[in-house]
Amino acid sequence: LPWGQMSYWGAQVIISLFGAIPVVGEDIVQWIRGDYLISGITLNRFMSLHVVAMPIILIALVVMHIIALHDVGSNNPDGVSIKKYKDGEGKPIDGIPFYPYFVIHDLVPITVFLFAFCAVLFFMPEMGGYFLEHANFEKANSLKTPEHIAPVWYFTPYYSMLRAVPDKLGGFITMAAA
């Protein structure tokens, strides 16, 4: 995680949103920070969240999806019921198996995506400011607020939701519900 000006102040804004929760908000804010101010403890917690917790959650969701798909079966977009005629093992006769047909079909776009992703990751990680902004290369300073704080493009919808609702708790609920 980069620990520059934009990261510091972005973390400050996101953590302060939890302070809008009635009764327990300030305790949650202090628990997330691990201190009274954003510090190295906060950075360690955010790093653990991004590197350990998020991948575990995503892998669990993928496993649950595959288990549900295996139990229920996939839907047919053509609207033709393929579950009507089954063989001796109970598998649809008109069904197309996932492997090798869909795996090979999806292999080309996945490969193209991985090549593009690795090219950006290894050769141009800043991508002209779309992924890492110039202000994030300035060392984090809690005494100097940047003149213009604007979120990175992929956080813009959530930022707009926060700004659209005048109440801090209402904005937090709107953003969380999205």
N, C-alpha and C. Protein backbone atom coordinates (compact mmCIF):
# COMPACT_ATOMS: atom_id res chain seq x y z
N LEU A 1 0.84 -1.18 0.00
CA LEU A 1 0.00 0.00 0.00
C LEU A 1 0.88 1.24 0.00
N PRO A 2 0.63 2.15 -0.91
CA PRO A 2 1.40 3.40 -0.88
C PRO A 2 0.95 4.25 0.30
N TRP A 3 1.89 4.87 0.96
CA TRP A 3 1.55 5.68 2.12
C TRP A 3 1.91 7.12 1.83
N GLY A 4 1.23 7.68 0.84
CA GLY A 4 1.46 9.06 0.46
C GLY A 4 0.34 9.95 0.98
N GLN A 5 0.36 11.19 0.52
CA GLN A 5 -0.63 12.16 0.98
C GLN A 5 -2.06 11.72 0.70
N MET A 6 -2.33 11.29 -0.53
CA MET A 6 -3.71 10.92 -0.88
C MET A 6 -4.15 9.68 -0.11
N SER A 7 -3.24 8.72 0.08
CA SER A 7 -3.59 7.52 0.85
C SER A 7 -3.90 7.88 2.29
N TYR A 8 -3.07 8.74 2.86
CA TYR A 8 -3.26 9.13 4.26
C TYR A 8 -4.61 9.81 4.45
N TRP A 9 -4.89 10.81 3.62
CA TRP A 9 -6.13 11.56 3.78
C TRP A 9 -7.34 10.75 3.35
N GLY A 10 -7.17 9.85 2.38
CA GLY A 10 -8.27 8.94 2.02
C GLY A 10 -8.61 8.02 3.18
N ALA A 11 -7.57 7.49 3.84
CA ALA A 11 -7.80 6.64 5.01
C ALA A 11 -8.47 7.44 6.12
N GLN A 12 -8.06 8.68 6.28
CA GLN A 12 -8.67 9.54 7.31
C GLN A 12 -10.16 9.73 7.04
N VAL A 13 -10.53 9.97 5.79
CA VAL A 13 -11.94 10.18 5.44
C VAL A 13 -12.74 8.89 5.65
N ILE A 14 -12.24 7.77 5.15
CA ILE A 14 -12.97 6.51 5.25
C ILE A 14 -13.13 6.09 6.71
N ILE A 15 -12.06 6.21 7.49
CA ILE A 15 -12.16 5.84 8.91
C ILE A 15 -13.12 6.76 9.65
N SER A 16 -13.11 8.04 9.33
CA SER A 16 -14.00 8.97 10.03
C SER A 16 -15.47 8.71 9.71
N LEU A 17 -15.76 8.05 8.59
CA LEU A 17 -17.15 7.71 8.28
C LEU A 17 -17.75 6.79 9.34
N PHE A 18 -16.94 5.90 9.89
CA PHE A 18 -17.44 4.98 10.91
C PHE A 18 -17.81 5.73 12.19
N GLY A 19 -17.27 6.93 12.37
CA GLY A 19 -17.63 7.76 13.52
C GLY A 19 -19.06 8.25 13.47
N ALA A 20 -19.72 8.15 12.31
CA ALA A 20 -21.11 8.58 12.18
C ALA A 20 -22.09 7.56 12.74
N ILE A 21 -21.62 6.35 13.03
CA ILE A 21 -22.50 5.32 13.59
C ILE A 21 -22.86 5.73 15.02
N PRO A 22 -24.14 5.80 15.34
CA PRO A 22 -24.54 6.24 16.68
C PRO A 22 -24.00 5.32 17.78
N VAL A 23 -23.69 5.88 18.90
CA VAL A 23 -23.27 5.24 20.15
C VAL A 23 -21.87 4.63 20.06
N VAL A 24 -21.63 3.72 19.13
CA VAL A 24 -20.35 3.00 19.10
C VAL A 24 -19.39 3.52 18.04
N GLY A 25 -19.76 4.56 17.33
CA GLY A 25 -18.95 5.04 16.21
C GLY A 25 -17.53 5.41 16.57
N GLU A 26 -17.35 6.20 17.61
CA GLU A 26 -16.00 6.64 17.98
C GLU A 26 -15.14 5.47 18.46
N ASP A 27 -15.75 4.50 19.13
CA ASP A 27 -15.00 3.31 19.56
C ASP A 27 -14.55 2.49 18.35
N ILE A 28 -15.42 2.39 17.34
CA ILE A 28 -15.05 1.67 16.12
C ILE A 28 -13.91 2.38 15.41
N VAL A 29 -13.97 3.72 15.35
CA VAL A 29 -12.91 4.49 14.71
C VAL A 29 -11.58 4.24 15.40
N GLN A 30 -11.57 4.27 16.73
CA GLN A 30 -10.32 4.03 17.45
C GLN A 30 -9.85 2.60 17.27
N TRP A 31 -10.77 1.65 17.20
CA TRP A 31 -10.40 0.25 17.00
C TRP A 31 -9.78 0.05 15.60
N ILE A 32 -10.36 0.69 14.58
CA ILE A 32 -9.81 0.57 13.23
C ILE A 32 -8.43 1.20 13.16
N ARG A 33 -8.28 2.38 13.74
CA ARG A 33 -6.98 3.05 13.72
C ARG A 33 -5.94 2.30 14.53
N GLY A 34 -6.36 1.72 15.66
CA GLY A 34 -5.41 1.09 16.57
C GLY A 34 -4.72 2.11 17.45
N ASP A 35 -5.12 3.35 17.36
CA ASP A 35 -4.50 4.44 18.09
C ASP A 35 -5.46 5.63 18.02
N TYR A 36 -5.08 6.73 18.60
CA TYR A 36 -5.92 7.92 18.52
C TYR A 36 -5.74 8.65 17.20
N LEU A 37 -4.63 8.41 16.53
CA LEU A 37 -4.35 9.01 15.23
C LEU A 37 -3.98 7.91 14.24
N ILE A 38 -4.03 8.23 12.96
CA ILE A 38 -3.58 7.27 11.95
C ILE A 38 -2.07 7.13 12.09
N SER A 39 -1.61 5.88 12.19
CA SER A 39 -0.18 5.64 12.41
C SER A 39 0.24 4.37 11.69
N GLY A 40 1.42 3.88 12.04
CA GLY A 40 1.92 2.64 11.45
C GLY A 40 1.04 1.46 11.78
N ILE A 41 0.39 1.50 12.93
CA ILE A 41 -0.54 0.42 13.30
C ILE A 41 -1.69 0.37 12.30
N THR A 42 -2.20 1.53 11.94
CA THR A 42 -3.29 1.60 10.96
C THR A 42 -2.84 1.05 9.62
N LEU A 43 -1.63 1.41 9.22
CA LEU A 43 -1.09 0.92 7.95
C LEU A 43 -0.97 -0.61 7.97
N ASN A 44 -0.49 -1.17 9.08
CA ASN A 44 -0.39 -2.63 9.20
C ASN A 44 -1.77 -3.28 9.12
N ARG A 45 -2.75 -2.67 9.74
CA ARG A 45 -4.10 -3.23 9.70
C ARG A 45 -4.69 -3.16 8.29
N PHE A 46 -4.49 -2.05 7.61
CA PHE A 46 -4.99 -1.93 6.24
C PHE A 46 -4.27 -2.89 5.31
N MET A 47 -2.97 -3.06 5.52
CA MET A 47 -2.20 -4.01 4.70
C MET A 47 -2.73 -5.43 4.91
N SER A 48 -2.99 -5.79 6.16
CA SER A 48 -3.53 -7.12 6.46
C SER A 48 -4.91 -7.30 5.83
N LEU A 49 -5.71 -6.25 5.88
CA LEU A 49 -7.04 -6.32 5.28
C LEU A 49 -6.94 -6.57 3.77
N HIS A 50 -6.06 -5.83 3.09
CA HIS A 50 -5.95 -5.94 1.64
C HIS A 50 -5.24 -7.21 1.19
N VAL A 51 -4.25 -7.67 1.95
CA VAL A 51 -3.43 -8.79 1.50
C VAL A 51 -3.94 -10.13 2.00
N VAL A 52 -4.58 -10.17 3.16
CA VAL A 52 -5.03 -11.43 3.74
C VAL A 52 -6.55 -11.57 3.68
N ALA A 53 -7.26 -10.63 4.27
CA ALA A 53 -8.71 -10.78 4.43
C ALA A 53 -9.46 -10.73 3.09
N MET A 54 -9.14 -9.76 2.24
CA MET A 54 -9.86 -9.63 0.97
C MET A 54 -9.69 -10.86 0.07
N PRO A 55 -8.47 -11.38 -0.12
CA PRO A 55 -8.35 -12.60 -0.93
C PRO A 55 -9.10 -13.79 -0.35
N ILE A 56 -9.08 -13.94 0.98
CA ILE A 56 -9.81 -15.05 1.60
C ILE A 56 -11.30 -14.90 1.34
N ILE A 57 -11.82 -13.70 1.47
CA ILE A 57 -13.24 -13.46 1.21
C ILE A 57 -13.58 -13.74 -0.25
N LEU A 58 -12.75 -13.27 -1.17
CA LEU A 58 -13.01 -13.51 -2.60
C LEU A 58 -12.95 -14.99 -2.95
N ILE A 59 -11.97 -15.70 -2.40
CA ILE A 59 -11.86 -17.14 -2.66
C ILE A 59 -13.07 -17.87 -2.09
N ALA A 60 -13.53 -17.47 -0.90
CA ALA A 60 -14.71 -18.09 -0.30
C ALA A 60 -15.95 -17.85 -1.17
N LEU A 61 -16.09 -16.65 -1.72
CA LEU A 61 -17.23 -16.37 -2.60
C LEU A 61 -17.17 -17.20 -3.88
N VAL A 62 -15.99 -17.36 -4.45
CA VAL A 62 -15.85 -18.19 -5.65
C VAL A 62 -16.19 -19.64 -5.35
N VAL A 63 -15.72 -20.16 -4.22
CA VAL A 63 -16.01 -21.55 -3.84
C VAL A 63 -17.51 -21.73 -3.61
N MET A 64 -18.16 -20.78 -2.92
CA MET A 64 -19.61 -20.88 -2.71
C MET A 64 -20.36 -20.84 -4.04
N HIS A 65 -19.89 -20.01 -4.98
CA HIS A 65 -20.52 -19.93 -6.30
C HIS A 65 -20.39 -21.26 -7.03
N ILE A 66 -19.22 -21.85 -7.01
CA ILE A 66 -19.00 -23.12 -7.71
C ILE A 66 -19.83 -24.23 -7.08
N ILE A 67 -19.90 -24.27 -5.74
CA ILE A 67 -20.71 -25.29 -5.07
C ILE A 67 -22.19 -25.12 -5.43
N ALA A 68 -22.68 -23.88 -5.40
CA ALA A 68 -24.09 -23.63 -5.75
C ALA A 68 -24.35 -23.98 -7.21
N LEU A 69 -23.42 -23.65 -8.08
CA LEU A 69 -23.58 -23.97 -9.50
C LEU A 69 -23.57 -25.47 -9.72
N HIS A 70 -22.75 -26.17 -8.97
CA HIS A 70 -22.68 -27.63 -9.10
C HIS A 70 -23.97 -28.29 -8.59
N ASP A 71 -24.53 -27.77 -7.50
CA ASP A 71 -25.75 -28.35 -6.94
C ASP A 71 -26.98 -28.04 -7.78
N VAL A 72 -27.15 -26.79 -8.17
CA VAL A 72 -28.35 -26.35 -8.87
C VAL A 72 -28.22 -26.53 -10.38
N GLY A 73 -27.04 -26.30 -10.91
CA GLY A 73 -26.83 -26.33 -12.35
C GLY A 73 -26.94 -24.93 -12.92
N SER A 74 -26.41 -24.76 -14.10
CA SER A 74 -26.43 -23.43 -14.70
C SER A 74 -27.73 -23.20 -15.46
N ASN A 75 -28.01 -21.94 -15.69
CA ASN A 75 -29.21 -21.55 -16.41
C ASN A 75 -28.91 -21.57 -17.90
N ASN A 76 -29.94 -21.77 -18.69
CA ASN A 76 -29.79 -21.76 -20.13
C ASN A 76 -30.32 -20.44 -20.66
N PRO A 77 -29.47 -19.59 -21.24
CA PRO A 77 -29.94 -18.29 -21.71
C PRO A 77 -30.91 -18.37 -22.88
N ASP A 78 -30.96 -19.50 -23.58
CA ASP A 78 -31.88 -19.64 -24.71
C ASP A 78 -33.32 -19.89 -24.26
N GLY A 79 -33.50 -20.23 -22.99
CA GLY A 79 -34.84 -20.48 -22.49
C GLY A 79 -35.31 -21.90 -22.73
N VAL A 80 -34.48 -22.75 -23.31
CA VAL A 80 -34.83 -24.14 -23.57
C VAL A 80 -34.47 -24.94 -22.33
N SER A 81 -35.40 -25.73 -21.84
CA SER A 81 -35.13 -26.52 -20.64
C SER A 81 -34.28 -27.73 -21.02
N ILE A 82 -33.06 -27.74 -20.51
CA ILE A 82 -32.17 -28.87 -20.82
C ILE A 82 -32.25 -29.93 -19.73
N LYS A 83 -33.00 -29.65 -18.68
CA LYS A 83 -33.09 -30.60 -17.57
C LYS A 83 -34.22 -31.62 -17.78
N LYS A 84 -34.92 -31.51 -18.91
CA LYS A 84 -36.05 -32.39 -19.16
C LYS A 84 -35.60 -33.81 -19.50
N TYR A 85 -34.57 -33.93 -20.34
CA TYR A 85 -34.09 -35.24 -20.77
C TYR A 85 -32.75 -35.52 -20.11
N LYS A 86 -32.70 -36.57 -19.28
CA LYS A 86 -31.49 -36.89 -18.54
C LYS A 86 -31.04 -38.31 -18.86
N ASP A 87 -29.72 -38.53 -18.70
CA ASP A 87 -29.18 -39.86 -18.93
C ASP A 87 -29.30 -40.69 -17.65
N GLY A 88 -28.67 -41.86 -17.63
CA GLY A 88 -28.76 -42.76 -16.48
C GLY A 88 -28.17 -42.19 -15.21
N GLU A 89 -27.20 -41.29 -15.33
CA GLU A 89 -26.56 -40.69 -14.15
C GLU A 89 -27.29 -39.44 -13.67
N GLY A 90 -28.34 -39.03 -14.35
CA GLY A 90 -29.10 -37.85 -13.97
C GLY A 90 -28.56 -36.56 -14.56
N LYS A 91 -27.63 -36.66 -15.51
CA LYS A 91 -27.08 -35.46 -16.14
C LYS A 91 -27.88 -35.15 -17.40
N PRO A 92 -28.13 -33.86 -17.67
CA PRO A 92 -28.90 -33.50 -18.87
C PRO A 92 -28.18 -33.95 -20.15
N ILE A 93 -28.95 -34.54 -21.05
CA ILE A 93 -28.39 -35.02 -22.31
C ILE A 93 -27.98 -33.85 -23.20
N ASP A 94 -28.78 -32.78 -23.19
CA ASP A 94 -28.51 -31.62 -24.04
C ASP A 94 -27.52 -30.65 -23.42
N GLY A 95 -27.04 -30.92 -22.22
CA GLY A 95 -26.13 -30.00 -21.53
C GLY A 95 -24.72 -30.05 -22.11
N ILE A 96 -24.04 -28.94 -22.03
CA ILE A 96 -22.65 -28.84 -22.47
C ILE A 96 -21.77 -28.83 -21.22
N PRO A 97 -20.82 -29.74 -21.12
CA PRO A 97 -19.98 -29.78 -19.92
C PRO A 97 -19.08 -28.54 -19.82
N PHE A 98 -18.83 -28.13 -18.58
CA PHE A 98 -18.00 -26.96 -18.33
C PHE A 98 -16.58 -27.17 -18.85
N TYR A 99 -16.04 -28.35 -18.55
CA TYR A 99 -14.70 -28.67 -19.06
C TYR A 99 -14.85 -29.69 -20.15
N PRO A 100 -14.28 -29.54 -21.26
CA PRO A 100 -13.28 -28.58 -21.70
C PRO A 100 -13.88 -27.39 -22.45
N TYR A 101 -15.18 -27.42 -22.77
CA TYR A 101 -15.75 -26.43 -23.68
C TYR A 101 -15.68 -25.00 -23.15
N PHE A 102 -16.22 -24.75 -21.98
CA PHE A 102 -16.23 -23.38 -21.46
C PHE A 102 -14.85 -22.94 -20.97
N VAL A 103 -14.07 -23.89 -20.46
CA VAL A 103 -12.72 -23.55 -20.00
C VAL A 103 -11.88 -23.06 -21.17
N ILE A 104 -11.87 -23.80 -22.26
CA ILE A 104 -11.10 -23.40 -23.45
C ILE A 104 -11.66 -22.11 -24.04
N HIS A 105 -12.97 -21.97 -24.03
CA HIS A 105 -13.61 -20.76 -24.56
C HIS A 105 -13.17 -19.52 -23.79
N ASP A 106 -13.04 -19.64 -22.47
CA ASP A 106 -12.67 -18.50 -21.63
C ASP A 106 -11.17 -18.31 -21.50
N LEU A 107 -10.39 -19.25 -21.96
CA LEU A 107 -8.94 -19.18 -21.81
C LEU A 107 -8.33 -18.01 -22.60
N VAL A 108 -8.82 -17.73 -23.79
CA VAL A 108 -8.26 -16.65 -24.61
C VAL A 108 -8.48 -15.28 -23.96
N PRO A 109 -9.71 -14.90 -23.57
CA PRO A 109 -9.85 -13.59 -22.94
C PRO A 109 -9.10 -13.47 -21.61
N ILE A 110 -9.04 -14.56 -20.85
CA ILE A 110 -8.29 -14.51 -19.59
C ILE A 110 -6.81 -14.29 -19.87
N THR A 111 -6.28 -14.94 -20.88
CA THR A 111 -4.86 -14.76 -21.23
C THR A 111 -4.59 -13.34 -21.69
N VAL A 112 -5.46 -12.78 -22.53
CA VAL A 112 -5.29 -11.40 -22.99
C VAL A 112 -5.34 -10.44 -21.80
N PHE A 113 -6.30 -10.65 -20.90
CA PHE A 113 -6.39 -9.79 -19.71
C PHE A 113 -5.12 -9.89 -18.87
N LEU A 114 -4.63 -11.10 -18.63
CA LEU A 114 -3.44 -11.26 -17.79
C LEU A 114 -2.22 -10.60 -18.42
N PHE A 115 -2.07 -10.69 -19.74
CA PHE A 115 -0.96 -10.00 -20.41
C PHE A 115 -1.08 -8.49 -20.25
N ALA A 116 -2.28 -7.95 -20.45
CA ALA A 116 -2.48 -6.50 -20.29
C ALA A 116 -2.26 -6.09 -18.84
N PHE A 117 -2.77 -6.86 -17.91
CA PHE A 117 -2.61 -6.57 -16.49
C PHE A 117 -1.13 -6.57 -16.09
N CYS A 118 -0.39 -7.58 -16.53
CA CYS A 118 1.04 -7.65 -16.21
C CYS A 118 1.82 -6.52 -16.88
N ALA A 119 1.43 -6.14 -18.09
CA ALA A 119 2.10 -5.02 -18.76
C ALA A 119 1.93 -3.74 -17.96
N VAL A 120 0.72 -3.48 -17.49
CA VAL A 120 0.49 -2.29 -16.67
C VAL A 120 1.24 -2.41 -15.35
N LEU A 121 1.14 -3.55 -14.72
CA LEU A 121 1.75 -3.75 -13.40
C LEU A 121 3.26 -3.59 -13.43
N PHE A 122 3.92 -4.16 -14.44
CA PHE A 122 5.38 -4.17 -14.45
C PHE A 122 6.01 -3.00 -15.20
N PHE A 123 5.34 -2.47 -16.22
CA PHE A 123 5.98 -1.48 -17.07
C PHE A 123 5.44 -0.06 -16.92
N MET A 124 4.20 0.10 -16.49
CA MET A 124 3.65 1.45 -16.30
C MET A 124 2.62 1.46 -15.16
N PRO A 125 3.07 1.22 -13.93
CA PRO A 125 2.12 1.11 -12.81
C PRO A 125 1.36 2.40 -12.51
N GLU A 126 1.94 3.55 -12.85
CA GLU A 126 1.23 4.80 -12.61
C GLU A 126 0.13 5.02 -13.63
N MET A 127 0.33 4.58 -14.84
CA MET A 127 -0.62 4.69 -15.95
C MET A 127 -1.12 6.12 -16.12
N GLY A 128 -0.19 7.04 -16.11
CA GLY A 128 -0.53 8.44 -16.33
C GLY A 128 -1.40 9.04 -15.23
N GLY A 129 -1.34 8.48 -14.04
CA GLY A 129 -2.13 9.00 -12.93
C GLY A 129 -3.47 8.33 -12.74
N TYR A 130 -3.80 7.36 -13.59
CA TYR A 130 -5.08 6.68 -13.44
C TYR A 130 -5.08 5.71 -12.26
N PHE A 131 -3.92 5.12 -11.94
CA PHE A 131 -3.85 4.16 -10.85
C PHE A 131 -3.13 4.72 -9.64
N LEU A 132 -2.00 5.35 -9.84
CA LEU A 132 -1.26 5.98 -8.75
C LEU A 132 -1.10 7.45 -9.09
N GLU A 133 -1.69 8.30 -8.28
CA GLU A 133 -1.64 9.73 -8.55
C GLU A 133 -0.31 10.33 -8.11
N HIS A 134 0.04 11.44 -8.74
CA HIS A 134 1.28 12.13 -8.41
C HIS A 134 1.31 12.55 -6.94
N ALA A 135 0.17 12.99 -6.42
CA ALA A 135 0.11 13.44 -5.02
C ALA A 135 0.38 12.31 -4.04
N ASN A 136 0.22 11.09 -4.49
CA ASN A 136 0.46 9.96 -3.59
C ASN A 136 1.94 9.63 -3.47
N PHE A 137 2.78 10.27 -4.27
CA PHE A 137 4.22 10.07 -4.14
C PHE A 137 4.83 11.04 -3.14
N GLU A 138 4.04 12.02 -2.69
CA GLU A 138 4.49 12.91 -1.62
C GLU A 138 4.34 12.17 -0.30
N LYS A 139 5.31 12.31 0.58
CA LYS A 139 5.27 11.62 1.86
C LYS A 139 4.05 12.09 2.66
N ALA A 140 3.40 11.15 3.34
CA ALA A 140 2.22 11.48 4.13
C ALA A 140 2.58 12.47 5.24
N ASN A 141 1.78 13.52 5.33
CA ASN A 141 2.01 14.55 6.33
C ASN A 141 0.67 14.93 6.94
N SER A 142 0.50 14.61 8.22
CA SER A 142 -0.78 14.88 8.88
C SER A 142 -1.00 16.37 9.15
N LEU A 143 0.05 17.17 9.02
CA LEU A 143 -0.08 18.61 9.28
C LEU A 143 -0.40 19.41 8.03
N LYS A 144 -0.31 18.78 6.86
CA LYS A 144 -0.53 19.50 5.61
C LYS A 144 -1.61 18.78 4.79
N THR A 145 -2.78 19.38 4.76
CA THR A 145 -3.87 18.84 3.96
C THR A 145 -3.66 19.26 2.51
N PRO A 146 -3.77 18.32 1.56
CA PRO A 146 -3.65 18.72 0.15
C PRO A 146 -4.71 19.74 -0.23
N GLU A 147 -4.35 20.63 -1.15
CA GLU A 147 -5.27 21.69 -1.56
C GLU A 147 -6.53 21.13 -2.21
N HIS A 148 -6.35 20.14 -3.06
CA HIS A 148 -7.50 19.57 -3.76
C HIS A 148 -7.50 18.06 -3.52
N ILE A 149 -8.46 17.62 -2.72
CA ILE A 149 -8.59 16.19 -2.46
C ILE A 149 -9.72 15.67 -3.33
N ALA A 150 -9.37 14.83 -4.25
CA ALA A 150 -10.36 14.18 -5.10
C ALA A 150 -10.00 12.70 -5.17
N PRO A 151 -10.99 11.85 -5.14
CA PRO A 151 -10.69 10.42 -5.15
C PRO A 151 -10.17 9.96 -6.52
N VAL A 152 -9.53 8.81 -6.50
CA VAL A 152 -9.12 8.16 -7.74
C VAL A 152 -10.39 7.79 -8.49
N TRP A 153 -10.31 7.65 -9.81
CA TRP A 153 -11.49 7.48 -10.64
C TRP A 153 -12.37 6.32 -10.21
N TYR A 154 -11.80 5.23 -9.68
CA TYR A 154 -12.63 4.08 -9.32
C TYR A 154 -13.37 4.28 -8.00
N PHE A 155 -13.04 5.34 -7.23
CA PHE A 155 -13.79 5.68 -6.02
C PHE A 155 -14.76 6.84 -6.24
N THR A 156 -14.80 7.40 -7.43
CA THR A 156 -15.63 8.57 -7.70
C THR A 156 -17.12 8.34 -7.46
N PRO A 157 -17.71 7.20 -7.84
CA PRO A 157 -19.15 7.02 -7.55
C PRO A 157 -19.46 7.06 -6.06
N TYR A 158 -18.61 6.45 -5.25
CA TYR A 158 -18.84 6.44 -3.81
C TYR A 158 -18.65 7.83 -3.21
N TYR A 159 -17.67 8.55 -3.72
CA TYR A 159 -17.44 9.92 -3.28
C TYR A 159 -18.65 10.79 -3.61
N SER A 160 -19.23 10.58 -4.79
CA SER A 160 -20.42 11.34 -5.20
C SER A 160 -21.60 11.04 -4.29
N MET A 161 -21.74 9.77 -3.89
CA MET A 161 -22.83 9.41 -2.98
C MET A 161 -22.66 10.10 -1.63
N LEU A 162 -21.43 10.13 -1.14
CA LEU A 162 -21.17 10.80 0.14
C LEU A 162 -21.49 12.29 0.05
N ARG A 163 -21.14 12.90 -1.07
CA ARG A 163 -21.37 14.34 -1.23
C ARG A 163 -22.84 14.67 -1.48
N ALA A 164 -23.58 13.73 -2.07
CA ALA A 164 -24.98 13.99 -2.42
C ALA A 164 -25.89 14.02 -1.20
N VAL A 165 -25.53 13.27 -0.17
CA VAL A 165 -26.37 13.22 1.03
C VAL A 165 -25.74 14.12 2.09
N PRO A 166 -26.48 15.11 2.59
CA PRO A 166 -25.89 16.07 3.52
C PRO A 166 -25.54 15.48 4.89
N ASP A 167 -26.29 14.47 5.33
CA ASP A 167 -26.04 13.85 6.63
C ASP A 167 -24.91 12.83 6.50
N LYS A 168 -23.97 12.85 7.45
CA LYS A 168 -22.82 11.96 7.38
C LYS A 168 -23.25 10.49 7.48
N LEU A 169 -24.15 10.17 8.40
CA LEU A 169 -24.63 8.80 8.55
C LEU A 169 -25.43 8.38 7.32
N GLY A 170 -26.27 9.27 6.79
CA GLY A 170 -27.04 8.96 5.59
C GLY A 170 -26.15 8.70 4.39
N GLY A 171 -25.09 9.49 4.24
CA GLY A 171 -24.14 9.27 3.16
C GLY A 171 -23.42 7.94 3.31
N PHE A 172 -23.06 7.60 4.54
CA PHE A 172 -22.39 6.33 4.81
C PHE A 172 -23.31 5.16 4.47
N ILE A 173 -24.58 5.25 4.88
CA ILE A 173 -25.54 4.18 4.59
C ILE A 173 -25.78 4.07 3.08
N THR A 174 -25.90 5.20 2.40
CA THR A 174 -26.10 5.19 0.95
C THR A 174 -24.91 4.54 0.25
N MET A 175 -23.71 4.90 0.67
CA MET A 175 -22.51 4.35 0.05
C MET A 175 -22.40 2.85 0.34
N ALA A 176 -22.69 2.44 1.57
CA ALA A 176 -22.58 1.03 1.94
C ALA A 176 -23.64 0.19 1.23
N ALA A 177 -24.81 0.77 0.97
CA ALA A 177 -25.89 0.04 0.31
C ALA A 177 -25.63 -0.16 -1.18
N ALA A 178 -24.75 0.65 -1.75
CA ALA A 178 -24.51 0.58 -3.20
C ALA A 178 -23.71 -0.59 -3.59
